[in-house]
Amino acid sequence: MSIIGRLYPRHNTRRQVTKESQVYRYRPIEYFLSEIEEEYLYFCRSDIIGDDHEGTLGGGDQLLSPAVGGRSQKDYYYTKRIRELTFLNCWHLNEHEDIGMWERYVGEDYGIAVVSNVGRLQEWFGNIGEFDLGSIAYVDFEKLITMFSGNSDIDRFFYKRQEFSSENEYRILHQLRPLKIYPDNPDMKIFDWEFDQKEEGLRFSIDQEQLITKIVLAPNITKKHEDQIRHLLWEKSIEHLLQRSSLDRKPYL
């Protein structure tokens, strides 16, 4: 199995990355503990990830619904179906912690940031299945339809509205491609529009030592939650990856 994606360098609003580019994944403690205990990464279905424009073709409100006009009924439901079959795992590109990311994705709860780099993500997911990886291009969705080259089922998920640009996102995509096979003609395979997709997310196993470079405790975490995290990481033999947040450093007075 091999990676089927590119690094998506085709648009000048997309941040360029190298294998050494660092990425952060901010997680509330309950999600983190589950993922570490069972050694997986969670991919959320794109149509419930929290952005109604995810995977759409842009072009303004006239293209959002066939009832308004401008987009055919077939194109509308094709986009809806593709969104239901696409799963995303999202990271924040940065060389240091970001207080805005802590506040947005962890909030007042206690959590952690898992840190990796682009090279490790590419190497791992290139070896276990069909995935696409790349940084996001942040664009004006009112104009996206005129800039989009090919409107491919993959490319559309590597564009987001410019209002989300502070996320500096690097993502991993997995897309289900259900095929209908005809018993009387096994060589004939077509897209199965009736495929019953009920899963809200998918789990993919990882080797934590290979994928993770460090695990950062949330600022001002309580000793109780820190001890809980340390114990689990000790059981998994990766306690050496744990470190405190740079935001906890005392000022020099």
Protein backbone atom coordinates (compact mmCIF):
# COMPACT_ATOMS: atom_id res chain seq x y z
CA MET A 1 0.00 0.00 0.00
CA SER A 2 1.24 3.48 -0.75
CA ILE A 3 0.40 7.13 -0.37
CA ILE A 4 -1.79 8.37 -3.19
CA GLY A 5 -1.52 12.08 -2.49
CA ARG A 6 0.67 15.03 -3.18
CA LEU A 7 1.89 17.94 -1.07
CA TYR A 8 -0.50 20.26 -2.90
CA PRO A 9 1.91 23.09 -3.84
CA ARG A 10 -0.33 24.38 -6.61
CA HIS A 11 -1.79 27.50 -4.99
CA ASN A 12 0.21 30.39 -3.59
CA THR A 13 -2.03 30.71 -0.52
CA ARG A 14 -0.96 27.25 0.63
CA ARG A 15 1.83 27.14 3.18
CA GLN A 16 4.89 25.32 1.93
CA VAL A 17 6.23 22.59 4.19
CA THR A 18 9.27 20.35 4.51
CA LYS A 19 9.65 16.96 6.16
CA GLU A 20 10.99 18.77 9.24
CA SER A 21 7.94 21.08 9.55
CA GLN A 22 6.46 20.59 13.01
CA VAL A 23 2.77 19.88 13.58
CA TYR A 24 0.61 19.99 16.72
CA ARG A 25 -2.63 18.15 17.48
CA TYR A 26 -4.46 19.67 20.48
CA ARG A 27 -6.68 17.21 22.36
CA PRO A 28 -8.92 17.27 25.46
CA ILE A 29 -7.71 14.76 28.01
CA GLU A 30 -10.49 12.17 27.53
CA TYR A 31 -9.79 11.86 23.78
CA PHE A 32 -6.04 11.79 24.31
CA LEU A 33 -6.20 9.02 26.93
CA SER A 34 -8.32 6.85 24.64
CA GLU A 35 -6.04 7.38 21.64
CA ILE A 36 -2.87 6.65 23.63
CA GLU A 37 -4.35 3.62 25.40
CA GLU A 38 -5.56 2.02 22.15
CA GLU A 39 -2.79 3.47 19.95
CA TYR A 40 -4.78 5.04 17.13
CA LEU A 41 -5.48 8.33 15.37
CA TYR A 42 -9.08 9.37 14.90
CA PHE A 43 -10.36 10.59 11.52
CA CYS A 44 -13.64 12.52 11.62
CA ARG A 45 -16.18 12.37 8.79
CA SER A 46 -15.89 15.62 6.85
CA ASP A 47 -19.58 16.55 6.87
CA ILE A 48 -19.73 16.64 10.68
CA ILE A 49 -16.31 18.14 11.43
CA GLY A 50 -17.79 21.57 12.17
CA ASP A 51 -17.53 23.49 8.88
CA ASP A 52 -20.50 23.30 6.49
CA HIS A 53 -18.25 24.44 3.63
CA GLU A 54 -15.82 21.54 4.07
CA GLY A 55 -15.33 19.80 0.73
CA THR A 56 -17.68 22.09 -1.21
CA LEU A 57 -16.68 23.83 -4.43
CA GLY A 58 -17.22 27.40 -3.26
CA GLY A 59 -18.61 29.95 -5.69
CA GLY A 60 -21.02 31.74 -3.39
CA ASP A 61 -24.47 30.97 -2.02
CA GLN A 62 -25.91 30.41 -5.50
CA LEU A 63 -23.93 27.17 -5.69
CA LEU A 64 -24.81 25.80 -2.27
CA SER A 65 -28.20 24.40 -3.25
CA PRO A 66 -29.87 23.34 -6.49
CA ALA A 67 -33.01 25.09 -5.26
CA VAL A 68 -31.29 28.45 -5.73
CA GLY A 69 -30.02 27.59 -9.18
CA GLY A 70 -26.55 27.41 -10.67
CA ARG A 71 -25.69 23.90 -9.60
CA SER A 72 -27.29 20.76 -10.94
CA GLN A 73 -29.12 18.35 -8.66
CA LYS A 74 -26.56 15.70 -9.58
CA ASP A 75 -23.58 17.90 -8.62
CA TYR A 76 -25.23 18.85 -5.34
CA TYR A 77 -25.85 15.28 -4.23
CA TYR A 78 -22.47 14.11 -5.52
CA THR A 79 -20.77 16.68 -3.26
CA LYS A 80 -22.98 15.61 -0.35
CA ARG A 81 -22.02 11.96 -0.92
CA ILE A 82 -18.30 12.66 -1.23
CA ARG A 83 -18.38 14.58 2.06
CA GLU A 84 -19.98 11.57 3.77
CA LEU A 85 -17.25 9.27 2.46
CA THR A 86 -14.28 11.48 3.39
CA PHE A 87 -12.50 11.34 6.76
CA LEU A 88 -10.02 13.90 8.07
CA ASN A 89 -7.29 14.05 10.69
CA CYS A 90 -6.15 17.63 11.31
CA TRP A 91 -2.91 19.15 12.67
CA HIS A 92 -1.66 22.70 13.31
CA LEU A 93 1.54 23.70 11.49
CA ASN A 94 3.80 25.63 13.87
CA GLU A 95 7.28 25.53 15.35
CA HIS A 96 5.93 26.34 18.81
CA GLU A 97 2.75 26.15 20.89
CA ASP A 98 -0.12 28.48 20.09
CA ILE A 99 -2.31 29.84 22.88
CA GLY A 100 -5.20 30.30 20.44
CA MET A 101 -5.12 26.59 19.60
CA TRP A 102 -5.07 25.66 23.30
CA GLU A 103 -8.12 27.86 23.89
CA ARG A 104 -10.03 26.67 20.82
CA TYR A 105 -9.45 22.92 21.02
CA VAL A 106 -8.87 22.31 24.72
CA GLY A 107 -10.53 25.33 26.33
CA GLU A 108 -11.06 25.21 30.06
CA ASP A 109 -10.72 21.43 30.05
CA TYR A 110 -7.42 19.72 30.71
CA GLY A 111 -5.62 18.32 27.73
CA ILE A 112 -2.40 17.87 25.80
CA ALA A 113 -0.80 18.61 22.46
CA VAL A 114 0.66 15.70 20.51
CA VAL A 115 3.60 16.86 18.39
CA SER A 116 4.97 15.24 15.23
CA ASN A 117 6.41 16.45 11.94
CA VAL A 118 5.39 16.22 8.30
CA GLY A 119 8.04 13.63 7.45
CA ARG A 120 6.86 11.22 10.14
CA LEU A 121 3.22 11.57 9.08
CA GLN A 122 4.13 10.97 5.44
CA GLU A 123 6.26 7.95 6.23
CA TRP A 124 3.70 6.27 8.49
CA PHE A 125 0.55 6.85 6.47
CA GLY A 126 2.36 6.14 3.23
CA ASN A 127 3.01 2.63 4.50
CA ILE A 128 -0.39 1.56 5.80
CA GLY A 129 -2.97 2.57 3.20
CA GLU A 130 -4.43 5.08 0.82
CA PHE A 131 -4.11 8.54 2.30
CA ASP A 132 -3.57 12.08 1.03
CA LEU A 133 -1.56 14.57 3.06
CA GLY A 134 -1.06 18.29 2.58
CA SER A 135 -1.28 21.81 3.93
CA ILE A 136 -4.48 23.80 3.48
CA ALA A 137 -4.91 26.71 1.05
CA TYR A 138 -7.05 29.46 2.60
CA VAL A 139 -9.03 31.27 -0.08
CA ASP A 140 -12.07 33.41 -0.78
CA PHE A 141 -14.80 30.80 -1.30
CA GLU A 142 -16.80 33.30 -3.35
CA LYS A 143 -14.11 32.92 -6.01
CA LEU A 144 -12.99 29.35 -5.41
CA ILE A 145 -15.03 27.84 -8.22
CA THR A 146 -13.02 29.88 -10.76
CA MET A 147 -9.65 28.92 -9.26
CA PHE A 148 -10.28 25.24 -8.71
CA SER A 149 -8.40 23.05 -11.15
CA GLY A 150 -10.28 19.88 -11.97
CA ASN A 151 -12.68 19.94 -9.00
CA SER A 152 -11.27 16.57 -7.97
CA ASP A 153 -12.75 14.62 -5.10
CA ILE A 154 -9.44 14.94 -3.22
CA ASP A 155 -8.35 18.51 -4.00
CA ARG A 156 -11.57 20.07 -2.75
CA PHE A 157 -10.68 19.04 0.82
CA PHE A 158 -7.40 20.95 0.73
CA TYR A 159 -9.09 24.35 0.46
CA LYS A 160 -10.77 26.21 3.32
CA ARG A 161 -12.30 29.62 3.76
CA GLN A 162 -9.78 32.40 4.39
CA GLU A 163 -11.47 33.17 7.72
CA PHE A 164 -9.90 29.94 9.07
CA SER A 165 -6.34 30.87 8.11
CA SER A 166 -5.15 31.12 11.73
CA GLU A 167 -5.47 27.33 11.94
CA ASN A 168 -2.41 26.82 9.67
CA GLU A 169 -3.73 23.36 9.05
CA TYR A 170 -1.95 20.28 7.77
CA ARG A 171 -4.29 17.36 7.26
CA ILE A 172 -4.44 13.68 6.45
CA LEU A 173 -7.35 12.50 4.34
CA HIS A 174 -8.82 9.04 3.83
CA GLN A 175 -11.63 8.63 1.34
CA LEU A 176 -13.84 5.58 0.99
CA ARG A 177 -14.48 4.58 -2.62
CA PRO A 178 -17.22 1.93 -2.46
CA LEU A 179 -17.65 0.02 -5.70
CA LYS A 180 -20.60 -2.03 -6.89
CA ILE A 181 -19.56 -5.28 -8.56
CA TYR A 182 -21.94 -7.14 -10.84
CA PRO A 183 -21.91 -10.95 -10.29
CA ASP A 184 -22.53 -11.66 -13.96
CA ASN A 185 -19.73 -9.28 -14.98
CA PRO A 186 -17.08 -9.09 -12.23
CA ASP A 187 -14.86 -6.84 -14.35
CA MET A 188 -17.54 -4.14 -14.33
CA LYS A 189 -17.19 -1.90 -11.26
CA ILE A 190 -19.00 1.40 -10.69
CA PHE A 191 -19.31 3.83 -7.78
CA ASP A 192 -21.85 2.50 -5.28
CA TRP A 193 -24.17 5.43 -4.57
CA GLU A 194 -26.26 3.27 -2.23
CA PHE A 195 -23.34 2.36 0.06
CA ASP A 196 -24.61 2.71 3.63
CA GLN A 197 -22.09 4.93 5.42
CA LYS A 198 -23.03 5.30 9.11
CA GLU A 199 -19.65 5.71 10.77
CA GLU A 200 -18.96 9.19 12.15
CA GLY A 201 -15.25 8.48 12.33
CA LEU A 202 -12.54 5.93 11.60
CA ARG A 203 -9.62 4.77 13.73
CA PHE A 204 -6.22 3.95 12.25
CA SER A 205 -3.53 2.23 14.29
CA ILE A 206 -0.21 3.99 14.80
CA ASP A 207 3.22 3.29 16.27
CA GLN A 208 3.46 6.05 18.86
CA GLU A 209 7.26 5.96 19.07
CA GLN A 210 7.56 6.39 15.31
CA LEU A 211 4.91 9.07 14.93
CA ILE A 212 5.19 11.26 18.05
CA THR A 213 8.15 13.52 18.81
CA LYS A 214 6.79 14.95 22.07
CA ILE A 215 3.65 15.28 24.18
CA VAL A 216 3.01 18.67 25.76
CA LEU A 217 0.90 19.13 28.89
CA ALA A 218 -1.74 21.86 28.77
CA PRO A 219 -0.83 25.10 30.59
CA ASN A 220 -1.75 25.09 34.29
CA ILE A 221 -2.74 21.43 34.27
CA THR A 222 -3.63 20.02 37.69
CA LYS A 223 -1.33 17.53 39.41
CA LYS A 224 -4.15 14.97 39.36
CA HIS A 225 -4.49 15.11 35.58
CA GLU A 226 -0.72 15.25 35.07
CA ASP A 227 -0.27 12.12 37.18
CA GLN A 228 -3.02 10.37 35.21
CA ILE A 229 -1.27 11.17 31.93
CA ARG A 230 2.18 10.25 33.24
CA HIS A 231 0.97 6.87 34.47
CA LEU A 232 -0.53 5.95 31.10
CA LEU A 233 2.56 7.08 29.22
CA TRP A 234 4.72 5.08 31.62
CA GLU A 235 2.61 1.99 30.91
CA LYS A 236 3.12 2.59 27.17
CA SER A 237 6.87 3.20 27.65
CA ILE A 238 6.69 6.69 26.16
CA GLU A 239 6.83 8.83 29.31
CA HIS A 240 10.11 10.31 28.01
CA LEU A 241 8.10 12.18 25.35
CA LEU A 242 6.20 14.23 27.94
CA GLN A 243 7.08 17.84 28.67
CA ARG A 244 5.53 20.92 30.22
CA SER A 245 3.99 23.76 28.24
CA SER A 246 6.26 26.68 27.42
CA LEU A 247 3.39 28.87 28.66
CA ASP A 248 4.08 27.61 32.20
CA ARG A 249 7.55 29.15 32.31
CA LYS A 250 8.01 31.68 35.06
CA PRO A 251 8.85 35.26 34.08
CA TYR A 252 12.33 36.63 34.63
CA LEU A 253 12.00 39.51 37.11
